[in-house]
Amino acid sequence: MPEQFIYLASGSPRRRELLAQLDISFELLVTDIDESLLPDEPADAYVRRMARDKARAALERLPVRRAPVLGADTAVIVDRDILGKPADQAAGEAMLRCLSGRDHEVLTAVAISAEEHEAMAVSRTVVTFRPLSDAEIKGYWATGEPQDKAGGYAIQGLGAVFIAAIHGSYSGVMGLPLFETAHLLNGFGYRFM
């Protein structure tokens, strides 16, 4: 099978690891876009807009467009509120208290943009946290792991010990749902077997 190549509009190490699982070569094209939530914007619309805007902004930077660009965005949602990356320890601990002993939803949108075609998909996953003690919350924050993660935890790291159940895409919670990504890439002529 010939080498398959794509541009990745993301600086996330987790997205790089997941894309590598599909045996696709890629080049990073990280862009700086405004990630502000619009007034009354639902979480689904927000992640779609972010993924699309990242992919389109990276595509515009290419002088020669030899491959499509993949953009993605992940949001952790509790009671219709988006939990971003914690600004500080107090915010991180508050997020973990909010997630403790309950379900939350993780949405990850994937957008693939090329000159002639654009496609998008959204992965929806319900994650259930077991109840957390204050000592566990403080101890987890002290590991440094939750400090740059949406929702203040990493499913692929130590944060996994808090997860009682997951209904949906594990890779989607990590930041790049492989099922949806492979399906979208098939539409651009990529093959995986």
N, C-alpha and C. Protein backbone atom coordinates (compact mmCIF):
# COMPACT_ATOMS: atom_id res chain seq x y z
N MET A 1 0.86 -1.17 0.00
CA MET A 1 0.00 0.00 0.00
C MET A 1 0.90 1.24 0.00
N PRO A 2 0.64 2.24 -0.86
CA PRO A 2 1.47 3.43 -0.90
C PRO A 2 1.32 4.25 0.39
N GLU A 3 2.34 5.07 0.65
CA GLU A 3 2.29 5.92 1.84
C GLU A 3 1.10 6.87 1.76
N GLN A 4 0.41 6.98 2.90
CA GLN A 4 -0.72 7.90 3.00
C GLN A 4 -0.28 9.06 3.89
N PHE A 5 -0.63 10.27 3.48
CA PHE A 5 -0.14 11.47 4.16
C PHE A 5 -1.29 12.44 4.39
N ILE A 6 -1.22 13.15 5.53
CA ILE A 6 -2.21 14.18 5.85
C ILE A 6 -1.52 15.25 6.70
N TYR A 7 -2.09 16.44 6.71
CA TYR A 7 -1.65 17.48 7.65
C TYR A 7 -2.52 17.41 8.89
N LEU A 8 -1.91 17.60 10.05
CA LEU A 8 -2.63 17.56 11.32
C LEU A 8 -2.60 18.95 11.95
N ALA A 9 -3.76 19.56 12.07
CA ALA A 9 -3.88 20.90 12.65
C ALA A 9 -4.10 20.78 14.15
N SER A 10 -3.11 20.24 14.85
CA SER A 10 -3.22 20.05 16.30
C SER A 10 -1.84 19.88 16.90
N GLY A 11 -1.65 20.45 18.06
CA GLY A 11 -0.40 20.27 18.79
C GLY A 11 -0.49 19.17 19.83
N SER A 12 -1.65 18.49 19.90
CA SER A 12 -1.88 17.49 20.93
C SER A 12 -1.03 16.23 20.72
N PRO A 13 -0.22 15.86 21.72
CA PRO A 13 0.55 14.62 21.60
C PRO A 13 -0.36 13.40 21.49
N ARG A 14 -1.54 13.44 22.15
CA ARG A 14 -2.47 12.32 22.08
C ARG A 14 -3.03 12.15 20.68
N ARG A 15 -3.34 13.24 20.01
CA ARG A 15 -3.84 13.12 18.63
C ARG A 15 -2.76 12.58 17.70
N ARG A 16 -1.53 12.97 17.93
CA ARG A 16 -0.43 12.44 17.12
C ARG A 16 -0.31 10.93 17.31
N GLU A 17 -0.37 10.47 18.57
CA GLU A 17 -0.28 9.04 18.86
C GLU A 17 -1.43 8.27 18.21
N LEU A 18 -2.63 8.81 18.32
CA LEU A 18 -3.79 8.11 17.76
C LEU A 18 -3.74 8.08 16.24
N LEU A 19 -3.36 9.18 15.60
CA LEU A 19 -3.27 9.20 14.15
C LEU A 19 -2.21 8.21 13.67
N ALA A 20 -1.13 8.08 14.42
CA ALA A 20 -0.08 7.13 14.06
C ALA A 20 -0.59 5.69 14.09
N GLN A 21 -1.59 5.40 14.92
CA GLN A 21 -2.17 4.06 14.96
C GLN A 21 -2.82 3.68 13.63
N LEU A 22 -3.25 4.69 12.87
CA LEU A 22 -3.85 4.43 11.57
C LEU A 22 -2.80 4.26 10.47
N ASP A 23 -1.53 4.34 10.84
CA ASP A 23 -0.40 4.18 9.91
C ASP A 23 -0.46 5.23 8.79
N ILE A 24 -0.72 6.46 9.21
CA ILE A 24 -0.74 7.59 8.28
C ILE A 24 0.42 8.51 8.64
N SER A 25 1.18 8.90 7.63
CA SER A 25 2.23 9.89 7.84
C SER A 25 1.56 11.26 7.93
N PHE A 26 2.11 12.13 8.74
CA PHE A 26 1.51 13.45 8.86
C PHE A 26 2.55 14.49 9.19
N GLU A 27 2.18 15.71 8.90
CA GLU A 27 3.00 16.88 9.25
C GLU A 27 2.11 17.78 10.09
N LEU A 28 2.68 18.33 11.16
CA LEU A 28 1.92 19.23 12.03
C LEU A 28 1.80 20.61 11.39
N LEU A 29 0.61 21.16 11.46
CA LEU A 29 0.33 22.51 10.99
C LEU A 29 -0.55 23.19 12.04
N VAL A 30 0.03 23.52 13.17
CA VAL A 30 -0.74 24.08 14.27
C VAL A 30 -1.07 25.54 13.97
N THR A 31 -2.32 25.91 14.19
CA THR A 31 -2.77 27.27 13.95
C THR A 31 -3.25 27.89 15.26
N ASP A 32 -3.31 29.19 15.27
CA ASP A 32 -3.79 29.92 16.44
C ASP A 32 -5.12 30.55 16.06
N ILE A 33 -6.22 29.95 16.52
CA ILE A 33 -7.54 30.49 16.22
C ILE A 33 -8.21 30.92 17.52
N ASP A 34 -9.20 31.76 17.41
CA ASP A 34 -9.98 32.19 18.57
C ASP A 34 -10.87 31.02 19.00
N GLU A 35 -10.67 30.52 20.20
CA GLU A 35 -11.44 29.37 20.68
C GLU A 35 -12.54 29.78 21.64
N SER A 36 -12.94 31.05 21.60
CA SER A 36 -14.00 31.53 22.48
C SER A 36 -15.34 30.92 22.12
N LEU A 37 -16.11 30.60 23.14
CA LEU A 37 -17.46 30.11 22.97
C LEU A 37 -18.35 31.29 22.58
N LEU A 38 -19.19 31.10 21.57
CA LEU A 38 -20.13 32.15 21.17
C LEU A 38 -21.30 32.18 22.13
N PRO A 39 -21.98 33.32 22.28
CA PRO A 39 -23.13 33.39 23.18
C PRO A 39 -24.18 32.34 22.81
N ASP A 40 -24.64 31.59 23.79
CA ASP A 40 -25.68 30.56 23.63
C ASP A 40 -25.31 29.45 22.65
N GLU A 41 -24.01 29.25 22.39
CA GLU A 41 -23.58 28.22 21.46
C GLU A 41 -23.60 26.85 22.15
N PRO A 42 -24.37 25.90 21.60
CA PRO A 42 -24.36 24.56 22.19
C PRO A 42 -23.00 23.89 22.01
N ALA A 43 -22.68 22.95 22.90
CA ALA A 43 -21.39 22.27 22.87
C ALA A 43 -21.15 21.57 21.54
N ASP A 44 -22.16 20.93 20.98
CA ASP A 44 -22.01 20.23 19.71
C ASP A 44 -21.59 21.20 18.61
N ALA A 45 -22.26 22.35 18.55
CA ALA A 45 -21.92 23.36 17.54
C ALA A 45 -20.52 23.92 17.78
N TYR A 46 -20.15 24.09 19.05
CA TYR A 46 -18.84 24.62 19.39
C TYR A 46 -17.72 23.70 18.91
N VAL A 47 -17.78 22.39 19.22
CA VAL A 47 -16.69 21.50 18.82
C VAL A 47 -16.63 21.36 17.30
N ARG A 48 -17.78 21.39 16.65
CA ARG A 48 -17.80 21.34 15.18
C ARG A 48 -17.10 22.58 14.60
N ARG A 49 -17.45 23.73 15.13
CA ARG A 49 -16.86 24.98 14.63
C ARG A 49 -15.36 25.01 14.87
N MET A 50 -14.92 24.57 16.05
CA MET A 50 -13.49 24.58 16.36
C MET A 50 -12.72 23.64 15.44
N ALA A 51 -13.23 22.42 15.26
CA ALA A 51 -12.53 21.45 14.40
C ALA A 51 -12.45 21.98 12.97
N ARG A 52 -13.56 22.50 12.47
CA ARG A 52 -13.60 23.03 11.10
C ARG A 52 -12.67 24.23 10.95
N ASP A 53 -12.72 25.15 11.91
CA ASP A 53 -11.89 26.36 11.82
C ASP A 53 -10.40 26.04 11.89
N LYS A 54 -10.03 25.06 12.72
CA LYS A 54 -8.62 24.65 12.80
C LYS A 54 -8.16 24.07 11.46
N ALA A 55 -8.98 23.18 10.89
CA ALA A 55 -8.62 22.56 9.61
C ALA A 55 -8.54 23.60 8.50
N ARG A 56 -9.52 24.49 8.44
CA ARG A 56 -9.52 25.50 7.38
C ARG A 56 -8.36 26.48 7.53
N ALA A 57 -8.07 26.89 8.76
CA ALA A 57 -6.96 27.84 8.98
C ALA A 57 -5.63 27.21 8.56
N ALA A 58 -5.45 25.93 8.87
CA ALA A 58 -4.21 25.25 8.47
C ALA A 58 -4.15 25.10 6.95
N LEU A 59 -5.27 24.77 6.33
CA LEU A 59 -5.32 24.62 4.87
C LEU A 59 -4.93 25.93 4.19
N GLU A 60 -5.39 27.04 4.73
CA GLU A 60 -5.07 28.36 4.15
C GLU A 60 -3.58 28.68 4.23
N ARG A 61 -2.88 28.10 5.19
CA ARG A 61 -1.44 28.35 5.35
C ARG A 61 -0.58 27.59 4.35
N LEU A 62 -1.16 26.60 3.69
CA LEU A 62 -0.38 25.76 2.79
C LEU A 62 -0.18 26.44 1.44
N PRO A 63 1.06 26.63 1.01
CA PRO A 63 1.29 27.21 -0.31
C PRO A 63 0.95 26.22 -1.42
N VAL A 64 1.23 24.95 -1.16
CA VAL A 64 0.89 23.89 -2.10
C VAL A 64 0.08 22.86 -1.32
N ARG A 65 -1.12 22.63 -1.76
CA ARG A 65 -2.02 21.74 -1.02
C ARG A 65 -1.96 20.34 -1.59
N ARG A 66 -1.02 19.56 -1.04
CA ARG A 66 -0.82 18.21 -1.57
C ARG A 66 -1.59 17.16 -0.80
N ALA A 67 -2.24 17.54 0.29
CA ALA A 67 -2.99 16.58 1.09
C ALA A 67 -4.05 17.33 1.91
N PRO A 68 -5.08 16.63 2.37
CA PRO A 68 -6.08 17.26 3.23
C PRO A 68 -5.50 17.60 4.60
N VAL A 69 -6.25 18.42 5.34
CA VAL A 69 -5.89 18.81 6.70
C VAL A 69 -6.94 18.27 7.66
N LEU A 70 -6.49 17.68 8.75
CA LEU A 70 -7.38 17.17 9.78
C LEU A 70 -7.32 18.10 10.98
N GLY A 71 -8.50 18.57 11.41
CA GLY A 71 -8.62 19.36 12.63
C GLY A 71 -9.55 18.63 13.59
N ALA A 72 -9.35 18.80 14.88
CA ALA A 72 -10.21 18.14 15.86
C ALA A 72 -10.35 19.03 17.09
N ASP A 73 -11.45 18.82 17.80
CA ASP A 73 -11.65 19.55 19.05
C ASP A 73 -12.46 18.68 19.99
N THR A 74 -12.11 18.72 21.27
CA THR A 74 -12.77 17.91 22.29
C THR A 74 -13.33 18.81 23.39
N ALA A 75 -14.53 18.48 23.85
CA ALA A 75 -15.14 19.21 24.95
C ALA A 75 -15.73 18.22 25.95
N VAL A 76 -15.55 18.52 27.22
CA VAL A 76 -16.15 17.76 28.31
C VAL A 76 -17.36 18.57 28.78
N ILE A 77 -18.53 17.93 28.83
CA ILE A 77 -19.76 18.66 29.12
C ILE A 77 -20.45 18.07 30.36
N VAL A 78 -20.80 18.96 31.28
CA VAL A 78 -21.58 18.61 32.46
C VAL A 78 -22.72 19.62 32.55
N ASP A 79 -23.94 19.12 32.58
CA ASP A 79 -25.13 20.00 32.68
C ASP A 79 -25.10 21.10 31.63
N ARG A 80 -24.75 20.75 30.41
CA ARG A 80 -24.67 21.66 29.26
C ARG A 80 -23.54 22.68 29.36
N ASP A 81 -22.74 22.61 30.40
CA ASP A 81 -21.59 23.50 30.54
C ASP A 81 -20.34 22.79 30.02
N ILE A 82 -19.53 23.53 29.26
CA ILE A 82 -18.27 22.99 28.75
C ILE A 82 -17.18 23.22 29.78
N LEU A 83 -16.51 22.13 30.16
CA LEU A 83 -15.37 22.23 31.07
C LEU A 83 -14.11 22.24 30.22
N GLY A 84 -13.45 23.35 30.15
CA GLY A 84 -12.22 23.47 29.37
C GLY A 84 -11.03 22.96 30.17
N LYS A 85 -9.87 23.48 29.82
CA LYS A 85 -8.67 23.15 30.57
C LYS A 85 -8.66 24.01 31.83
N PRO A 86 -8.34 23.44 32.98
CA PRO A 86 -8.36 24.22 34.22
C PRO A 86 -7.32 25.34 34.21
N ALA A 87 -7.74 26.52 34.63
CA ALA A 87 -6.86 27.69 34.65
C ALA A 87 -5.83 27.59 35.78
N ASP A 88 -6.21 26.94 36.86
CA ASP A 88 -5.33 26.84 38.03
C ASP A 88 -5.78 25.67 38.89
N GLN A 89 -5.12 25.48 40.02
CA GLN A 89 -5.44 24.36 40.91
C GLN A 89 -6.86 24.42 41.41
N ALA A 90 -7.33 25.59 41.82
CA ALA A 90 -8.70 25.71 42.34
C ALA A 90 -9.71 25.30 41.27
N ALA A 91 -9.49 25.73 40.04
CA ALA A 91 -10.41 25.38 38.94
C ALA A 91 -10.34 23.89 38.64
N GLY A 92 -9.14 23.32 38.64
CA GLY A 92 -8.98 21.89 38.38
C GLY A 92 -9.66 21.03 39.43
N GLU A 93 -9.47 21.41 40.70
CA GLU A 93 -10.11 20.65 41.76
C GLU A 93 -11.63 20.80 41.70
N ALA A 94 -12.12 21.98 41.35
CA ALA A 94 -13.57 22.19 41.22
C ALA A 94 -14.14 21.32 40.10
N MET A 95 -13.41 21.20 38.99
CA MET A 95 -13.87 20.35 37.89
C MET A 95 -13.98 18.91 38.34
N LEU A 96 -12.97 18.41 39.03
CA LEU A 96 -12.99 17.02 39.48
C LEU A 96 -14.12 16.78 40.48
N ARG A 97 -14.41 17.76 41.34
CA ARG A 97 -15.55 17.63 42.26
C ARG A 97 -16.86 17.58 41.48
N CYS A 98 -16.93 18.36 40.43
CA CYS A 98 -18.13 18.38 39.58
C CYS A 98 -18.33 17.03 38.88
N LEU A 99 -17.26 16.37 38.47
CA LEU A 99 -17.34 15.09 37.77
C LEU A 99 -17.54 13.91 38.73
N SER A 100 -17.19 14.08 39.99
CA SER A 100 -17.22 13.02 40.98
C SER A 100 -18.60 12.38 41.12
N GLY A 101 -18.63 11.05 40.98
CA GLY A 101 -19.84 10.29 41.24
C GLY A 101 -20.97 10.48 40.24
N ARG A 102 -20.64 10.90 39.02
CA ARG A 102 -21.71 11.14 38.05
C ARG A 102 -21.23 10.94 36.61
N ASP A 103 -22.18 11.02 35.70
CA ASP A 103 -21.89 10.92 34.28
C ASP A 103 -21.56 12.30 33.71
N HIS A 104 -20.74 12.30 32.68
CA HIS A 104 -20.55 13.50 31.87
C HIS A 104 -20.38 13.05 30.42
N GLU A 105 -20.49 13.98 29.51
CA GLU A 105 -20.39 13.67 28.09
C GLU A 105 -19.10 14.27 27.54
N VAL A 106 -18.45 13.52 26.65
CA VAL A 106 -17.28 14.02 25.95
C VAL A 106 -17.61 14.02 24.46
N LEU A 107 -17.51 15.19 23.85
CA LEU A 107 -17.73 15.34 22.41
C LEU A 107 -16.39 15.63 21.75
N THR A 108 -16.09 14.90 20.69
CA THR A 108 -14.92 15.21 19.88
C THR A 108 -15.36 15.31 18.43
N ALA A 109 -15.13 16.47 17.84
CA ALA A 109 -15.42 16.68 16.42
C ALA A 109 -14.13 16.51 15.63
N VAL A 110 -14.26 15.90 14.46
CA VAL A 110 -13.15 15.75 13.52
C VAL A 110 -13.59 16.37 12.20
N ALA A 111 -12.76 17.25 11.67
CA ALA A 111 -13.03 17.87 10.37
C ALA A 111 -11.84 17.62 9.46
N ILE A 112 -12.13 17.26 8.22
CA ILE A 112 -11.08 17.09 7.22
C ILE A 112 -11.39 18.03 6.08
N SER A 113 -10.43 18.90 5.78
CA SER A 113 -10.62 19.91 4.74
C SER A 113 -9.58 19.75 3.64
N ALA A 114 -10.07 19.83 2.41
CA ALA A 114 -9.22 19.87 1.22
C ALA A 114 -9.84 20.92 0.30
N GLU A 115 -9.13 21.28 -0.74
CA GLU A 115 -9.66 22.31 -1.64
C GLU A 115 -11.03 21.96 -2.18
N GLU A 116 -11.22 20.71 -2.55
CA GLU A 116 -12.43 20.32 -3.25
C GLU A 116 -13.49 19.68 -2.36
N HIS A 117 -13.14 19.42 -1.10
CA HIS A 117 -14.06 18.62 -0.29
C HIS A 117 -13.81 18.88 1.19
N GLU A 118 -14.88 18.82 1.98
CA GLU A 118 -14.76 18.93 3.43
C GLU A 118 -15.75 17.95 4.05
N ALA A 119 -15.35 17.31 5.13
CA ALA A 119 -16.22 16.36 5.81
C ALA A 119 -16.00 16.46 7.32
N MET A 120 -17.04 16.10 8.07
CA MET A 120 -16.98 16.23 9.52
C MET A 120 -17.78 15.13 10.19
N ALA A 121 -17.34 14.74 11.39
CA ALA A 121 -18.08 13.79 12.22
C ALA A 121 -17.87 14.17 13.68
N VAL A 122 -18.81 13.76 14.52
CA VAL A 122 -18.71 14.02 15.96
C VAL A 122 -18.89 12.71 16.71
N SER A 123 -17.99 12.46 17.64
CA SER A 123 -18.07 11.30 18.53
C SER A 123 -18.66 11.76 19.86
N ARG A 124 -19.64 11.00 20.36
CA ARG A 124 -20.27 11.30 21.65
C ARG A 124 -20.03 10.12 22.59
N THR A 125 -19.47 10.41 23.74
CA THR A 125 -19.17 9.36 24.71
C THR A 125 -19.64 9.79 26.09
N VAL A 126 -20.29 8.87 26.80
CA VAL A 126 -20.68 9.12 28.19
C VAL A 126 -19.67 8.44 29.09
N VAL A 127 -19.10 9.21 30.01
CA VAL A 127 -18.10 8.72 30.94
C VAL A 127 -18.67 8.84 32.36
N THR A 128 -18.54 7.78 33.15
CA THR A 128 -19.03 7.77 34.53
C THR A 128 -17.84 7.75 35.48
N PHE A 129 -17.78 8.76 36.33
CA PHE A 129 -16.75 8.81 37.38
C PHE A 129 -17.30 8.18 38.66
N ARG A 130 -16.47 7.46 39.36
CA ARG A 130 -16.84 7.01 40.70
C ARG A 130 -16.71 8.21 41.64
N PRO A 131 -17.29 8.14 42.83
CA PRO A 131 -17.12 9.25 43.78
C PRO A 131 -15.63 9.42 44.15
N LEU A 132 -15.19 10.68 44.22
CA LEU A 132 -13.80 10.98 44.54
C LEU A 132 -13.72 11.67 45.90
N SER A 133 -12.71 11.33 46.66
CA SER A 133 -12.47 12.02 47.94
C SER A 133 -11.66 13.28 47.68
N ASP A 134 -11.70 14.19 48.64
CA ASP A 134 -10.88 15.41 48.52
C ASP A 134 -9.40 15.06 48.42
N ALA A 135 -8.98 14.05 49.17
CA ALA A 135 -7.56 13.64 49.14
C ALA A 135 -7.18 13.14 47.74
N GLU A 136 -8.07 12.38 47.10
CA GLU A 136 -7.79 11.89 45.75
C GLU A 136 -7.72 13.05 44.75
N ILE A 137 -8.64 13.99 44.89
CA ILE A 137 -8.65 15.15 43.99
C ILE A 137 -7.36 15.95 44.12
N LYS A 138 -6.97 16.24 45.35
CA LYS A 138 -5.73 17.00 45.58
C LYS A 138 -4.50 16.21 45.13
N GLY A 139 -4.50 14.91 45.42
CA GLY A 139 -3.38 14.06 45.01
C GLY A 139 -3.26 13.97 43.50
N TYR A 140 -4.40 13.87 42.82
CA TYR A 140 -4.36 13.79 41.36
C TYR A 140 -3.87 15.10 40.77
N TRP A 141 -4.33 16.21 41.28
CA TRP A 141 -3.85 17.51 40.78
C TRP A 141 -2.33 17.60 40.96
N ALA A 142 -1.83 17.11 42.08
CA ALA A 142 -0.40 17.21 42.38
C ALA A 142 0.46 16.40 41.40
N THR A 143 -0.13 15.43 40.69
CA THR A 143 0.64 14.66 39.71
C THR A 143 0.99 15.50 38.48
N GLY A 144 0.26 16.59 38.26
CA GLY A 144 0.48 17.44 37.09
C GLY A 144 -0.30 16.99 35.86
N GLU A 145 -0.83 15.78 35.89
CA GLU A 145 -1.53 15.25 34.72
C GLU A 145 -2.75 16.07 34.29
N PRO A 146 -3.60 16.52 35.20
CA PRO A 146 -4.84 17.18 34.76
C PRO A 146 -4.68 18.63 34.31
N GLN A 147 -3.51 19.19 34.44
CA GLN A 147 -3.35 20.64 34.27
C GLN A 147 -3.58 21.16 32.87
N ASP A 148 -3.41 20.34 31.83
CA ASP A 148 -3.64 20.84 30.47
C ASP A 148 -4.65 19.99 29.72
N LYS A 149 -5.58 19.37 30.48
CA LYS A 149 -6.56 18.47 29.87
C LYS A 149 -7.96 19.05 29.99
N ALA A 150 -8.74 18.93 28.91
CA ALA A 150 -10.14 19.33 28.96
C ALA A 150 -10.84 18.52 30.04
N GLY A 151 -11.59 19.19 30.90
CA GLY A 151 -12.27 18.51 32.00
C GLY A 151 -11.38 18.21 33.18
N GLY A 152 -10.07 18.46 33.05
CA GLY A 152 -9.16 18.27 34.16
C GLY A 152 -8.77 16.83 34.44
N TYR A 153 -8.85 15.94 33.42
CA TYR A 153 -8.39 14.57 33.62
C TYR A 153 -7.94 13.97 32.30
N ALA A 154 -7.16 12.89 32.40
CA ALA A 154 -6.68 12.16 31.22
C ALA A 154 -7.11 10.71 31.34
N ILE A 155 -7.97 10.27 30.42
CA ILE A 155 -8.45 8.88 30.44
C ILE A 155 -7.31 7.90 30.17
N GLN A 156 -6.31 8.34 29.41
CA GLN A 156 -5.19 7.46 29.05
C GLN A 156 -4.10 7.45 30.11
N GLY A 157 -4.30 8.17 31.18
CA GLY A 157 -3.30 8.24 32.24
C GLY A 157 -3.85 7.76 33.57
N LEU A 158 -3.34 8.36 34.63
CA LEU A 158 -3.76 7.99 35.98
C LEU A 158 -5.24 8.29 36.22
N GLY A 159 -5.79 9.26 35.49
CA GLY A 159 -7.21 9.59 35.62
C GLY A 159 -8.12 8.42 35.34
N ALA A 160 -7.63 7.39 34.66
CA ALA A 160 -8.44 6.21 34.36
C ALA A 160 -8.93 5.50 35.62
N VAL A 161 -8.22 5.66 36.75
CA VAL A 161 -8.64 4.98 37.98
C VAL A 161 -9.95 5.55 38.53
N PHE A 162 -10.37 6.71 38.04
CA PHE A 162 -11.62 7.31 38.49
C PHE A 162 -12.82 6.89 37.65
N ILE A 163 -12.57 6.24 36.51
CA ILE A 163 -13.64 5.98 35.54
C ILE A 163 -14.26 4.61 35.78
N ALA A 164 -15.55 4.65 36.19
CA ALA A 164 -16.28 3.42 36.47
C ALA A 164 -16.84 2.80 35.20
N ALA A 165 -17.19 3.64 34.21
CA ALA A 165 -17.77 3.13 32.97
C ALA A 165 -17.57 4.14 31.85
N ILE A 166 -17.56 3.60 30.63
CA ILE A 166 -17.48 4.45 29.45
C ILE A 166 -18.40 3.83 28.39
N HIS A 167 -19.23 4.68 27.81
CA HIS A 167 -20.16 4.24 26.77
C HIS A 167 -19.90 5.10 25.55
N GLY A 168 -19.11 4.54 24.63
CA GLY A 168 -18.76 5.30 23.43
C GLY A 168 -17.33 5.02 23.04
N SER A 169 -16.63 6.06 22.63
CA SER A 169 -15.31 5.94 22.04
C SER A 169 -14.20 6.33 23.01
N TYR A 170 -13.39 5.34 23.39
CA TYR A 170 -12.22 5.62 24.23
C TYR A 170 -11.29 6.61 23.53
N SER A 171 -11.00 6.35 22.25
CA SER A 171 -10.09 7.24 21.53
C SER A 171 -10.71 8.63 21.35
N GLY A 172 -12.04 8.70 21.29
CA GLY A 172 -12.71 10.00 21.22
C GLY A 172 -12.49 10.81 22.49
N VAL A 173 -12.51 10.14 23.64
CA VAL A 173 -12.25 10.84 24.91
C VAL A 173 -10.80 11.29 24.95
N MET A 174 -9.90 10.52 24.35
CA MET A 174 -8.49 10.92 24.28
C MET A 174 -8.29 12.13 23.37
N GLY A 175 -9.19 12.32 22.39
CA GLY A 175 -9.06 13.50 21.53
C GLY A 175 -9.15 13.26 20.03
N LEU A 176 -9.21 11.98 19.60
CA LEU A 176 -9.34 11.70 18.17
C LEU A 176 -10.05 10.35 18.00
N PRO A 177 -11.35 10.36 17.76
CA PRO A 177 -12.08 9.10 17.62
C PRO A 177 -11.66 8.37 16.34
N LEU A 178 -11.03 7.23 16.50
CA LEU A 178 -10.44 6.55 15.35
C LEU A 178 -11.49 5.99 14.39
N PHE A 179 -12.62 5.52 14.90
CA PHE A 179 -13.67 5.01 14.02
C PHE A 179 -14.14 6.11 13.07
N GLU A 180 -14.52 7.25 13.63
CA GLU A 180 -15.01 8.36 12.81
C GLU A 180 -13.92 8.92 11.91
N THR A 181 -12.71 8.99 12.41
CA THR A 181 -11.60 9.52 11.61
C THR A 181 -11.33 8.63 10.40
N ALA A 182 -11.27 7.32 10.62
CA ALA A 182 -11.03 6.40 9.51
C ALA A 182 -12.17 6.47 8.49
N HIS A 183 -13.40 6.56 8.98
CA HIS A 183 -14.56 6.66 8.06
C HIS A 183 -14.45 7.92 7.20
N LEU A 184 -14.11 9.06 7.81
CA LEU A 184 -13.96 10.30 7.05
C LEU A 184 -12.82 10.18 6.04
N LEU A 185 -11.70 9.62 6.47
CA LEU A 185 -10.55 9.50 5.57
C LEU A 185 -10.85 8.56 4.40
N ASN A 186 -11.69 7.55 4.62
CA ASN A 186 -12.11 6.68 3.51
C ASN A 186 -12.74 7.51 2.40
N GLY A 187 -13.50 8.53 2.78
CA GLY A 187 -14.13 9.40 1.80
C GLY A 187 -13.15 10.24 1.00
N PHE A 188 -11.91 10.32 1.48
CA PHE A 188 -10.85 11.03 0.77
C PHE A 188 -9.90 10.06 0.07
N GLY A 189 -10.27 8.78 0.03
CA GLY A 189 -9.47 7.78 -0.68
C GLY A 189 -8.44 7.05 0.15
N TYR A 190 -8.39 7.28 1.47
CA TYR A 190 -7.44 6.57 2.33
C TYR A 190 -7.97 5.18 2.65
N ARG A 191 -7.06 4.21 2.73
CA ARG A 191 -7.44 2.84 3.05
C ARG A 191 -6.59 2.34 4.20
N PHE A 192 -7.16 1.46 5.03
CA PHE A 192 -6.49 1.01 6.24
C PHE A 192 -6.24 -0.49 6.31
N MET A 193 -6.68 -1.24 5.35
CA MET A 193 -6.44 -2.69 5.33
C MET A 193 -6.06 -3.11 3.93
